[in-house]
Amino acid sequence: GKIIMDFEGTQPWGYHSMNCTPAGMDGGMFVTLTQHMNFEGLVNDGAWMATELKLPKGTWTNPDNEMVATATSWALLLPAYGVFQ
């Protein structure tokens, strides 16, 4: 199987610190998979390797400006992956 998370339609990045980088989105997905699927606490790449993230350029999930603030990216990342769980 394969999990595809498509963030098409996500809002543009904004002038706040809740934007996220693609690497942050990857990390958030890995944590989500670990907490959702691996209840015994053992972490592996099995579920992650079957995951594809579609992060449109210019959105809060993949800003197209390297000066965008990302200090509190968990504020948007947690609800985005919470829906998945």
PDB file of N, CA and C in Angstrom:
ATOM      1  N   GLY A   1       0.801  -1.177   0.000  1.00  0.00           N
ATOM      2  CA  GLY A   1       0.000   0.000   0.000  1.00  0.00           C
ATOM      3  C   GLY A   1       0.854   1.255   0.000  1.00  0.00           C
ATOM      4  N   LYS A   2       0.202   2.381  -0.115  1.00  0.00           N
ATOM      5  CA  LYS A   2       0.879   3.665  -0.140  1.00  0.00           C
ATOM      6  C   LYS A   2      -0.023   4.714   0.489  1.00  0.00           C
ATOM      7  N   ILE A   3       0.578   5.625   1.225  1.00  0.00           N
ATOM      8  CA  ILE A   3      -0.142   6.758   1.805  1.00  0.00           C
ATOM      9  C   ILE A   3       0.285   8.001   1.047  1.00  0.00           C
ATOM     10  N   ILE A   4      -0.672   8.710   0.477  1.00  0.00           N
ATOM     11  CA  ILE A   4      -0.375   9.979  -0.199  1.00  0.00           C
ATOM     12  C   ILE A   4      -1.100  11.083   0.547  1.00  0.00           C
ATOM     13  N   MET A   5      -0.331  12.023   1.068  1.00  0.00           N
ATOM     14  CA  MET A   5      -0.898  13.190   1.745  1.00  0.00           C
ATOM     15  C   MET A   5      -0.705  14.382   0.808  1.00  0.00           C
ATOM     16  N   ASP A   6      -1.799  14.881   0.265  1.00  0.00           N
ATOM     17  CA  ASP A   6      -1.755  15.971  -0.702  1.00  0.00           C
ATOM     18  C   ASP A   6      -2.239  17.258  -0.032  1.00  0.00           C
ATOM     19  N   PHE A   7      -1.364  18.224   0.076  1.00  0.00           N
ATOM     20  CA  PHE A   7      -1.700  19.497   0.705  1.00  0.00           C
ATOM     21  C   PHE A   7      -2.055  20.566  -0.334  1.00  0.00           C
ATOM     22  N   GLU A   8      -2.498  20.144  -1.500  1.00  0.00           N
ATOM     23  CA  GLU A   8      -2.967  21.082  -2.521  1.00  0.00           C
ATOM     24  C   GLU A   8      -4.148  21.866  -1.960  1.00  0.00           C
ATOM     25  N   GLY A   9      -4.155  23.155  -2.138  1.00  0.00           N
ATOM     26  CA  GLY A   9      -5.203  24.001  -1.596  1.00  0.00           C
ATOM     27  C   GLY A   9      -4.855  24.591  -0.248  1.00  0.00           C
ATOM     28  N   THR A  10      -3.667  24.252   0.264  1.00  0.00           N
ATOM     29  CA  THR A  10      -3.217  24.817   1.532  1.00  0.00           C
ATOM     30  C   THR A  10      -2.983  26.317   1.370  1.00  0.00           C
ATOM     31  N   GLN A  11      -3.230  27.057   2.423  1.00  0.00           N
ATOM     32  CA  GLN A  11      -3.078  28.516   2.388  1.00  0.00           C
ATOM     33  C   GLN A  11      -1.629  28.924   2.091  1.00  0.00           C
ATOM     34  N   PRO A  12      -1.425  30.103   1.498  1.00  0.00           N
ATOM     35  CA  PRO A  12      -0.069  30.602   1.274  1.00  0.00           C
ATOM     36  C   PRO A  12       0.648  30.848   2.594  1.00  0.00           C
ATOM     37  N   TRP A  13       1.976  30.858   2.543  1.00  0.00           N
ATOM     38  CA  TRP A  13       2.737  31.175   3.755  1.00  0.00           C
ATOM     39  C   TRP A  13       2.380  32.588   4.179  1.00  0.00           C
ATOM     40  N   GLY A  14       2.530  32.848   5.466  1.00  0.00           N
ATOM     41  CA  GLY A  14       2.144  34.149   5.989  1.00  0.00           C
ATOM     42  C   GLY A  14       3.234  34.785   6.815  1.00  0.00           C
ATOM     43  N   TYR A  15       2.993  36.024   7.195  1.00  0.00           N
ATOM     44  CA  TYR A  15       3.938  36.776   8.021  1.00  0.00           C
ATOM     45  C   TYR A  15       3.691  36.455   9.491  1.00  0.00           C
ATOM     46  N   HIS A  16       3.956  35.203   9.838  1.00  0.00           N
ATOM     47  CA  HIS A  16       3.845  34.695  11.201  1.00  0.00           C
ATOM     48  C   HIS A  16       4.857  33.560  11.327  1.00  0.00           C
ATOM     49  N   SER A  17       4.999  33.001  12.496  1.00  0.00           N
ATOM     50  CA  SER A  17       6.028  31.979  12.703  1.00  0.00           C
ATOM     51  C   SER A  17       5.487  30.549  12.595  1.00  0.00           C
ATOM     52  N   MET A  18       4.295  30.380  12.037  1.00  0.00           N
ATOM     53  CA  MET A  18       3.680  29.058  11.975  1.00  0.00           C
ATOM     54  C   MET A  18       3.806  28.397  10.606  1.00  0.00           C
ATOM     55  N   ASN A  19       4.687  28.894   9.763  1.00  0.00           N
ATOM     56  CA  ASN A  19       4.967  28.247   8.487  1.00  0.00           C
ATOM     57  C   ASN A  19       5.837  27.024   8.750  1.00  0.00           C
ATOM     58  N   CYS A  20       5.924  26.120   7.781  1.00  0.00           N
ATOM     59  CA  CYS A  20       6.707  24.912   7.975  1.00  0.00           C
ATOM     60  C   CYS A  20       7.539  24.620   6.726  1.00  0.00           C
ATOM     61  N   THR A  21       8.686  24.028   6.918  1.00  0.00           N
ATOM     62  CA  THR A  21       9.534  23.630   5.793  1.00  0.00           C
ATOM     63  C   THR A  21       9.157  22.210   5.361  1.00  0.00           C
ATOM     64  N   PRO A  22       9.528  21.809   4.148  1.00  0.00           N
ATOM     65  CA  PRO A  22       9.273  20.421   3.745  1.00  0.00           C
ATOM     66  C   PRO A  22       9.921  19.410   4.704  1.00  0.00           C
ATOM     67  N   ALA A  23      11.110  19.720   5.210  1.00  0.00           N
ATOM     68  CA  ALA A  23      11.760  18.819   6.170  1.00  0.00           C
ATOM     69  C   ALA A  23      10.946  18.715   7.453  1.00  0.00           C
ATOM     70  N   GLY A  24      10.364  19.819   7.893  1.00  0.00           N
ATOM     71  CA  GLY A  24       9.501  19.796   9.070  1.00  0.00           C
ATOM     72  C   GLY A  24       8.245  18.980   8.826  1.00  0.00           C
ATOM     73  N   MET A  25       7.695  19.082   7.627  1.00  0.00           N
ATOM     74  CA  MET A  25       6.515  18.298   7.279  1.00  0.00           C
ATOM     75  C   MET A  25       6.868  16.812   7.256  1.00  0.00           C
ATOM     76  N   ASP A  26       8.042  16.468   6.735  1.00  0.00           N
ATOM     77  CA  ASP A  26       8.505  15.080   6.754  1.00  0.00           C
ATOM     78  C   ASP A  26       8.601  14.572   8.191  1.00  0.00           C
ATOM     79  N   GLY A  27       9.238  15.365   9.051  1.00  0.00           N
ATOM     80  CA  GLY A  27       9.385  14.980  10.453  1.00  0.00           C
ATOM     81  C   GLY A  27       8.051  14.815  11.150  1.00  0.00           C
ATOM     82  N   GLY A  28       7.130  15.729  10.876  1.00  0.00           N
ATOM     83  CA  GLY A  28       5.800  15.631  11.464  1.00  0.00           C
ATOM     84  C   GLY A  28       5.068  14.380  11.025  1.00  0.00           C
ATOM     85  N   MET A  29       5.233  14.022   9.761  1.00  0.00           N
ATOM     86  CA  MET A  29       4.594  12.805   9.252  1.00  0.00           C
ATOM     87  C   MET A  29       5.211  11.575   9.899  1.00  0.00           C
ATOM     88  N   PHE A  30       6.535  11.571  10.059  1.00  0.00           N
ATOM     89  CA  PHE A  30       7.199  10.435  10.694  1.00  0.00           C
ATOM     90  C   PHE A  30       6.725  10.264  12.140  1.00  0.00           C
ATOM     91  N   VAL A  31       6.626  11.368  12.869  1.00  0.00           N
ATOM     92  CA  VAL A  31       6.136  11.310  14.252  1.00  0.00           C
ATOM     93  C   VAL A  31       4.688  10.817  14.279  1.00  0.00           C
ATOM     94  N   THR A  32       3.869  11.305  13.359  1.00  0.00           N
ATOM     95  CA  THR A  32       2.470  10.873  13.286  1.00  0.00           C
ATOM     96  C   THR A  32       2.375   9.380  13.036  1.00  0.00           C
ATOM     97  N   LEU A  33       3.147   8.882  12.082  1.00  0.00           N
ATOM     98  CA  LEU A  33       3.128   7.446  11.790  1.00  0.00           C
ATOM     99  C   LEU A  33       3.601   6.637  12.993  1.00  0.00           C
ATOM    100  N   THR A  34       4.640   7.126  13.654  1.00  0.00           N
ATOM    101  CA  THR A  34       5.174   6.427  14.821  1.00  0.00           C
ATOM    102  C   THR A  34       4.131   6.338  15.926  1.00  0.00           C
ATOM    103  N   GLN A  35       3.461   7.436  16.203  1.00  0.00           N
ATOM    104  CA  GLN A  35       2.483   7.456  17.286  1.00  0.00           C
ATOM    105  C   GLN A  35       1.182   6.752  16.910  1.00  0.00           C
ATOM    106  N   HIS A  36       0.851   6.752  15.649  1.00  0.00           N
ATOM    107  CA  HIS A  36      -0.423   6.187  15.212  1.00  0.00           C
ATOM    108  C   HIS A  36      -0.335   4.684  14.940  1.00  0.00           C
ATOM    109  N   MET A  37       0.779   4.233  14.386  1.00  0.00           N
ATOM    110  CA  MET A  37       0.878   2.851  13.936  1.00  0.00           C
ATOM    111  C   MET A  37       1.776   1.969  14.799  1.00  0.00           C
ATOM    112  N   ASN A  38       2.729   2.557  15.503  1.00  0.00           N
ATOM    113  CA  ASN A  38       3.713   1.768  16.244  1.00  0.00           C
ATOM    114  C   ASN A  38       3.479   1.914  17.738  1.00  0.00           C
ATOM    115  N   PHE A  39       2.441   1.297  18.229  1.00  0.00           N
ATOM    116  CA  PHE A  39       2.050   1.471  19.623  1.00  0.00           C
ATOM    117  C   PHE A  39       3.052   0.907  20.611  1.00  0.00           C
ATOM    118  N   GLU A  40       3.878  -0.042  20.189  1.00  0.00           N
ATOM    119  CA  GLU A  40       4.837  -0.628  21.116  1.00  0.00           C
ATOM    120  C   GLU A  40       6.074   0.246  21.303  1.00  0.00           C
ATOM    121  N   GLY A  41       6.157   1.349  20.570  1.00  0.00           N
ATOM    122  CA  GLY A  41       7.258   2.296  20.748  1.00  0.00           C
ATOM    123  C   GLY A  41       8.458   2.040  19.872  1.00  0.00           C
ATOM    124  N   LEU A  42       8.421   0.993  19.054  1.00  0.00           N
ATOM    125  CA  LEU A  42       9.537   0.721  18.159  1.00  0.00           C
ATOM    126  C   LEU A  42       9.363   1.524  16.877  1.00  0.00           C
ATOM    127  N   VAL A  43      10.371   2.265  16.520  1.00  0.00           N
ATOM    128  CA  VAL A  43      10.299   3.126  15.345  1.00  0.00           C
ATOM    129  C   VAL A  43      11.067   2.481  14.199  1.00  0.00           C
ATOM    130  N   ASN A  44      10.478   2.464  13.017  1.00  0.00           N
ATOM    131  CA  ASN A  44      11.198   1.999  11.835  1.00  0.00           C
ATOM    132  C   ASN A  44      10.712   2.771  10.616  1.00  0.00           C
ATOM    133  N   ASP A  45      11.371   2.569   9.505  1.00  0.00           N
ATOM    134  CA  ASP A  45      11.046   3.305   8.281  1.00  0.00           C
ATOM    135  C   ASP A  45       9.986   2.625   7.428  1.00  0.00           C
ATOM    136  N   GLY A  46       9.434   1.519   7.865  1.00  0.00           N
ATOM    137  CA  GLY A  46       8.500   0.760   7.040  1.00  0.00           C
ATOM    138  C   GLY A  46       7.341   1.581   6.512  1.00  0.00           C
ATOM    139  N   ALA A  47       6.585   2.210   7.393  1.00  0.00           N
ATOM    140  CA  ALA A  47       5.435   3.006   6.957  1.00  0.00           C
ATOM    141  C   ALA A  47       5.887   4.268   6.237  1.00  0.00           C
ATOM    142  N   TRP A  48       7.009   4.830   6.695  1.00  0.00           N
ATOM    143  CA  TRP A  48       7.499   6.075   6.094  1.00  0.00           C
ATOM    144  C   TRP A  48       7.880   5.886   4.626  1.00  0.00           C
ATOM    145  N   MET A  49       8.449   4.729   4.301  1.00  0.00           N
ATOM    146  CA  MET A  49       8.887   4.477   2.924  1.00  0.00           C
ATOM    147  C   MET A  49       7.703   4.361   1.972  1.00  0.00           C
ATOM    148  N   ALA A  50       6.527   4.089   2.483  1.00  0.00           N
ATOM    149  CA  ALA A  50       5.325   3.999   1.649  1.00  0.00           C
ATOM    150  C   ALA A  50       4.513   5.290   1.698  1.00  0.00           C
ATOM    151  N   THR A  51       5.154   6.388   2.079  1.00  0.00           N
ATOM    152  CA  THR A  51       4.469   7.672   2.222  1.00  0.00           C
ATOM    153  C   THR A  51       4.966   8.665   1.191  1.00  0.00           C
ATOM    154  N   GLU A  52       4.035   9.405   0.622  1.00  0.00           N
ATOM    155  CA  GLU A  52       4.386  10.480  -0.309  1.00  0.00           C
ATOM    156  C   GLU A  52       3.661  11.750   0.141  1.00  0.00           C
ATOM    157  N   LEU A  53       4.423  12.818   0.311  1.00  0.00           N
ATOM    158  CA  LEU A  53       3.841  14.108   0.669  1.00  0.00           C
ATOM    159  C   LEU A  53       3.870  15.024  -0.545  1.00  0.00           C
ATOM    160  N   LYS A  54       2.750  15.616  -0.850  1.00  0.00           N
ATOM    161  CA  LYS A  54       2.675  16.607  -1.929  1.00  0.00           C
ATOM    162  C   LYS A  54       2.507  17.970  -1.264  1.00  0.00           C
ATOM    163  N   LEU A  55       3.570  18.764  -1.309  1.00  0.00           N
ATOM    164  CA  LEU A  55       3.619  20.056  -0.627  1.00  0.00           C
ATOM    165  C   LEU A  55       3.788  21.161  -1.666  1.00  0.00           C
ATOM    166  N   PRO A  56       2.701  21.813  -2.058  1.00  0.00           N
ATOM    167  CA  PRO A  56       2.785  22.837  -3.099  1.00  0.00           C
ATOM    168  C   PRO A  56       3.698  24.000  -2.708  1.00  0.00           C
ATOM    169  N   LYS A  57       4.514  24.423  -3.624  1.00  0.00           N
ATOM    170  CA  LYS A  57       5.423  25.548  -3.414  1.00  0.00           C
ATOM    171  C   LYS A  57       4.620  26.827  -3.161  1.00  0.00           C
ATOM    172  N   GLY A  58       5.082  27.614  -2.204  1.00  0.00           N
ATOM    173  CA  GLY A  58       4.436  28.885  -1.898  1.00  0.00           C
ATOM    174  C   GLY A  58       3.376  28.810  -0.814  1.00  0.00           C
ATOM    175  N   THR A  59       3.141  27.607  -0.270  1.00  0.00           N
ATOM    176  CA  THR A  59       2.152  27.457   0.788  1.00  0.00           C
ATOM    177  C   THR A  59       2.853  27.413   2.143  1.00  0.00           C
ATOM    178  N   TRP A  60       2.083  27.364   3.230  1.00  0.00           N
ATOM    179  CA  TRP A  60       2.712  27.302   4.553  1.00  0.00           C
ATOM    180  C   TRP A  60       3.445  25.978   4.751  1.00  0.00           C
ATOM    181  N   THR A  61       3.147  24.958   3.932  1.00  0.00           N
ATOM    182  CA  THR A  61       3.829  23.669   4.023  1.00  0.00           C
ATOM    183  C   THR A  61       5.135  23.638   3.243  1.00  0.00           C
ATOM    184  N   ASN A  62       5.361  24.611   2.375  1.00  0.00           N
ATOM    185  CA  ASN A  62       6.559  24.656   1.533  1.00  0.00           C
ATOM    186  C   ASN A  62       6.770  26.095   1.048  1.00  0.00           C
ATOM    187  N   PRO A  63       7.159  27.002   1.945  1.00  0.00           N
ATOM    188  CA  PRO A  63       7.307  28.406   1.567  1.00  0.00           C
ATOM    189  C   PRO A  63       8.352  28.596   0.462  1.00  0.00           C
ATOM    190  N   ASP A  64       8.108  29.564  -0.407  1.00  0.00           N
ATOM    191  CA  ASP A  64       9.048  29.847  -1.489  1.00  0.00           C
ATOM    192  C   ASP A  64       9.941  31.046  -1.174  1.00  0.00           C
ATOM    193  N   ASN A  65      10.016  31.413   0.097  1.00  0.00           N
ATOM    194  CA  ASN A  65      10.857  32.518   0.543  1.00  0.00           C
ATOM    195  C   ASN A  65      11.705  32.004   1.696  1.00  0.00           C
ATOM    196  N   GLU A  66      13.011  32.023   1.534  1.00  0.00           N
ATOM    197  CA  GLU A  66      13.887  31.465   2.577  1.00  0.00           C
ATOM    198  C   GLU A  66      13.910  32.287   3.860  1.00  0.00           C
ATOM    199  N   MET A  67      13.325  33.467   3.859  1.00  0.00           N
ATOM    200  CA  MET A  67      13.293  34.317   5.050  1.00  0.00           C
ATOM    201  C   MET A  67      12.011  34.128   5.878  1.00  0.00           C
ATOM    202  N   VAL A  68      11.159  33.206   5.485  1.00  0.00           N
ATOM    203  CA  VAL A  68       9.898  32.957   6.186  1.00  0.00           C
ATOM    204  C   VAL A  68      10.178  32.398   7.588  1.00  0.00           C
ATOM    205  N   ALA A  69       9.439  32.875   8.572  1.00  0.00           N
ATOM    206  CA  ALA A  69       9.593  32.396   9.944  1.00  0.00           C
ATOM    207  C   ALA A  69       8.926  31.027  10.098  1.00  0.00           C
ATOM    208  N   THR A  70       9.619  30.114  10.791  1.00  0.00           N
ATOM    209  CA  THR A  70       9.090  28.764  11.007  1.00  0.00           C
ATOM    210  C   THR A  70       9.255  28.315  12.463  1.00  0.00           C
ATOM    211  N   ALA A  71       9.402  29.254  13.388  1.00  0.00           N
ATOM    212  CA  ALA A  71       9.718  28.922  14.782  1.00  0.00           C
ATOM    213  C   ALA A  71       8.628  28.103  15.473  1.00  0.00           C
ATOM    214  N   THR A  72       7.372  28.324  15.135  1.00  0.00           N
ATOM    215  CA  THR A  72       6.287  27.574  15.780  1.00  0.00           C
ATOM    216  C   THR A  72       5.473  26.805  14.744  1.00  0.00           C
ATOM    217  N   SER A  73       6.169  26.107  13.867  1.00  0.00           N
ATOM    218  CA  SER A  73       5.488  25.379  12.791  1.00  0.00           C
ATOM    219  C   SER A  73       4.552  24.290  13.315  1.00  0.00           C
ATOM    220  N   TRP A  74       4.769  23.799  14.539  1.00  0.00           N
ATOM    221  CA  TRP A  74       3.887  22.776  15.094  1.00  0.00           C
ATOM    222  C   TRP A  74       2.454  23.294  15.253  1.00  0.00           C
ATOM    223  N   ALA A  75       2.278  24.598  15.336  1.00  0.00           N
ATOM    224  CA  ALA A  75       0.936  25.155  15.522  1.00  0.00           C
ATOM    225  C   ALA A  75       0.004  24.799  14.367  1.00  0.00           C
ATOM    226  N   LEU A  76       0.504  24.714  13.153  1.00  0.00           N
ATOM    227  CA  LEU A  76      -0.311  24.307  12.002  1.00  0.00           C
ATOM    228  C   LEU A  76      -0.084  22.842  11.636  1.00  0.00           C
ATOM    229  N   LEU A  77       1.121  22.363  11.894  1.00  0.00           N
ATOM    230  CA  LEU A  77       1.468  20.996  11.538  1.00  0.00           C
ATOM    231  C   LEU A  77       0.668  19.971  12.343  1.00  0.00           C
ATOM    232  N   LEU A  78       0.507  20.190  13.632  1.00  0.00           N
ATOM    233  CA  LEU A  78      -0.241  19.242  14.472  1.00  0.00           C
ATOM    234  C   LEU A  78      -1.697  19.064  14.027  1.00  0.00           C
ATOM    235  N   PRO A  79      -2.448  20.154  13.800  1.00  0.00           N
ATOM    236  CA  PRO A  79      -3.819  19.947  13.331  1.00  0.00           C
ATOM    237  C   PRO A  79      -3.880  19.304  11.945  1.00  0.00           C
ATOM    238  N   ALA A  80      -2.906  19.610  11.088  1.00  0.00           N
ATOM    239  CA  ALA A  80      -2.900  19.029   9.749  1.00  0.00           C
ATOM    240  C   ALA A  80      -2.768  17.515   9.816  1.00  0.00           C
ATOM    241  N   TYR A  81      -1.895  17.017  10.669  1.00  0.00           N
ATOM    242  CA  TYR A  81      -1.720  15.571  10.805  1.00  0.00           C
ATOM    243  C   TYR A  81      -2.691  14.963  11.806  1.00  0.00           C
ATOM    244  N   GLY A  82      -3.269  15.756  12.669  1.00  0.00           N
ATOM    245  CA  GLY A  82      -4.285  15.253  13.595  1.00  0.00           C
ATOM    246  C   GLY A  82      -5.512  14.750  12.856  1.00  0.00           C
ATOM    247  N   VAL A  83      -5.845  15.404  11.759  1.00  0.00           N
ATOM    248  CA  VAL A  83      -6.976  14.974  10.934  1.00  0.00           C
ATOM    249  C   VAL A  83      -6.698  13.587  10.360  1.00  0.00           C
ATOM    250  N   PHE A  84      -5.452  13.357   9.996  1.00  0.00           N
ATOM    251  CA  PHE A  84      -5.046  12.058   9.457  1.00  0.00           C
ATOM    252  C   PHE A  84      -5.290  10.936  10.469  1.00  0.00           C
ATOM    253  N   GLN A  85      -4.944  11.201  11.723  1.00  0.00           N
ATOM    254  CA  GLN A  85      -5.095  10.171  12.742  1.00  0.00           C
ATOM    255  C   GLN A  85      -6.548   9.889  13.034  1.00  0.00           C
TER     256      GLN A  85
END
